[in-house]
Every structure is written in structure tokens, then in C-alpha cells.
Amino acid sequence: MKHLILILGMTAVTYLPRMAPFVVLRGKNLPPFVRRFLEVLPVCALGALLIPGLFSSIPGHPVAAIAGASAAGAVSLTRGGLLLSVIAGVGTSYLLLYLGL
């Protein structure tokens, strides 16, 4: 029973802050500045989560990690698609590690 209460509490704490803006801002016109800010916020948050991990993902080989991320980003921008981007990133990192760079 304690686990169920814990799970329900964690669900409420996680779900309510995510749902509140949809309920509060429904039907309201936001200023252009606020709309633009809310559009770029997920990209900024994703960058803040990914960049620190990028430098520590392959200990002792930051060049391979950065090159892999760059390859994945380039493929994503030019061709699109998650699978191809991941393959390019992993393949580039593996190749550089194999070559000893």
C-alpha cells in the first residue's frame, strides 16, 4: 500500500506542473516574445542536458565523442531521421576510437 501511495504522489508531482500551463493558458493569446521563448525552450533544455554528457561520454577521448555528435547532427540536419543520425554518430565515434584518435 505504501508503494501505491508513493507512486500516486510521484505521478501527481510530475504530471501537475506539466499540465498546468495547458489548463491555465488555454484560449489565451500570448505576446510574440513569450511564444518565441516557449518555442525555443525545449531545444535549450535538451542542449543543457546533452552538452555536459558529451564531454564525459568517452573518457579520455573527447574528440571521438564530439566528432560523433557532430556527425549525428550533420546527418540529422541534412537527411533527417533518428536511425540514420544515430548510426552516423556511433559509427564516427567507433571509427575514431578504432584509429586511435
Protein backbone atom coordinates (compact mmCIF):
# COMPACT_ATOMS: atom_id res chain seq x y z
CA MET A 1 0.00 0.00 0.00
CA LYS A 2 2.86 2.37 0.80
CA HIS A 3 4.27 1.83 -2.69
CA LEU A 4 0.96 2.70 -4.32
CA ILE A 5 0.73 5.94 -2.35
CA LEU A 6 4.31 6.76 -3.29
CA ILE A 7 3.66 6.10 -6.99
CA LEU A 8 0.47 8.18 -6.95
CA GLY A 9 2.27 11.03 -5.20
CA MET A 10 5.13 10.97 -7.68
CA THR A 11 2.63 10.90 -10.54
CA ALA A 12 0.86 13.98 -9.21
CA VAL A 13 4.09 15.88 -8.60
CA THR A 14 5.29 15.10 -12.13
CA TYR A 15 2.02 15.45 -14.03
CA LEU A 16 0.52 18.58 -12.49
CA PRO A 17 3.34 21.01 -13.38
CA ARG A 18 3.30 19.72 -16.95
CA MET A 19 -0.46 20.00 -17.33
CA ALA A 20 -0.90 23.35 -15.56
CA PRO A 21 0.23 25.57 -18.48
CA PHE A 22 -2.23 23.85 -20.84
CA VAL A 23 -5.11 24.44 -18.46
CA VAL A 24 -4.15 27.99 -17.40
CA LEU A 25 -3.20 29.30 -20.86
CA ARG A 26 -5.98 27.62 -22.86
CA GLY A 27 -7.55 30.10 -25.27
CA LYS A 28 -5.28 32.99 -24.29
CA ASN A 29 -3.21 34.97 -26.76
CA LEU A 30 0.40 35.24 -25.67
CA PRO A 31 2.72 38.07 -26.70
CA PRO A 32 5.08 37.17 -29.58
CA PHE A 33 8.12 37.32 -27.29
CA VAL A 34 6.63 34.77 -24.89
CA ARG A 35 5.54 32.50 -27.75
CA ARG A 36 9.06 32.57 -29.26
CA PHE A 37 10.59 31.88 -25.83
CA LEU A 38 8.35 28.86 -25.31
CA GLU A 39 9.21 27.56 -28.79
CA VAL A 40 12.98 27.54 -28.16
CA LEU A 41 12.84 26.39 -24.55
CA PRO A 42 12.83 22.62 -25.33
CA VAL A 43 15.87 23.00 -27.61
CA CYS A 44 17.77 24.90 -24.93
CA ALA A 45 16.87 22.38 -22.25
CA LEU A 46 17.94 19.49 -24.47
CA GLY A 47 21.25 21.21 -25.17
CA ALA A 48 21.83 21.81 -21.47
CA LEU A 49 21.26 18.11 -20.81
CA LEU A 50 23.33 16.76 -23.70
CA ILE A 51 26.41 19.01 -23.86
CA PRO A 52 27.89 18.15 -20.41
CA GLY A 53 27.44 14.44 -21.06
CA LEU A 54 29.07 14.77 -24.45
CA PHE A 55 32.46 15.66 -22.97
CA SER A 56 32.41 12.80 -20.49
CA SER A 57 30.73 10.10 -22.58
CA ILE A 58 34.00 8.54 -23.78
CA PRO A 59 36.58 9.07 -21.01
CA GLY A 60 39.95 10.11 -22.39
CA HIS A 61 38.61 10.56 -25.93
CA PRO A 62 36.60 13.79 -26.12
CA VAL A 63 37.46 14.24 -29.81
CA ALA A 64 35.69 10.98 -30.72
CA ALA A 65 32.62 12.00 -28.74
CA ILE A 66 32.46 15.48 -30.25
CA ALA A 67 33.03 14.13 -33.77
CA GLY A 68 30.29 11.55 -33.28
CA ALA A 69 27.84 14.19 -32.07
CA SER A 70 28.81 16.45 -34.95
CA ALA A 71 28.27 13.67 -37.48
CA ALA A 72 24.90 12.83 -35.96
CA GLY A 73 23.90 16.49 -36.04
CA ALA A 74 25.03 16.93 -39.65
CA VAL A 75 23.14 13.85 -40.82
CA SER A 76 20.09 14.94 -38.86
CA LEU A 77 20.13 18.38 -40.47
CA THR A 78 20.70 17.15 -44.00
CA ARG A 79 18.86 13.83 -44.20
CA GLY A 80 16.67 13.75 -41.11
CA GLY A 81 15.62 10.59 -39.37
CA LEU A 82 16.67 9.32 -35.99
CA LEU A 83 18.07 5.94 -37.01
CA LEU A 84 20.43 7.29 -39.65
CA SER A 85 21.66 10.02 -37.30
CA VAL A 86 22.40 7.54 -34.53
CA ILE A 87 24.20 5.21 -36.92
CA ALA A 88 26.33 8.10 -38.21
CA GLY A 89 27.22 9.25 -34.69
CA VAL A 90 28.07 5.84 -33.33
CA GLY A 91 29.93 4.87 -36.50
CA THR A 92 32.04 8.03 -36.47
CA SER A 93 32.92 7.64 -32.80
CA TYR A 94 33.76 3.97 -33.27
CA LEU A 95 35.92 4.68 -36.31
CA LEU A 96 37.91 7.36 -34.49
CA LEU A 97 38.39 5.11 -31.47
CA TYR A 98 39.46 2.24 -33.73
CA LEU A 99 42.00 4.51 -35.45
CA GLY A 100 43.28 5.61 -32.04
CA LEU A 101 42.35 9.27 -32.38
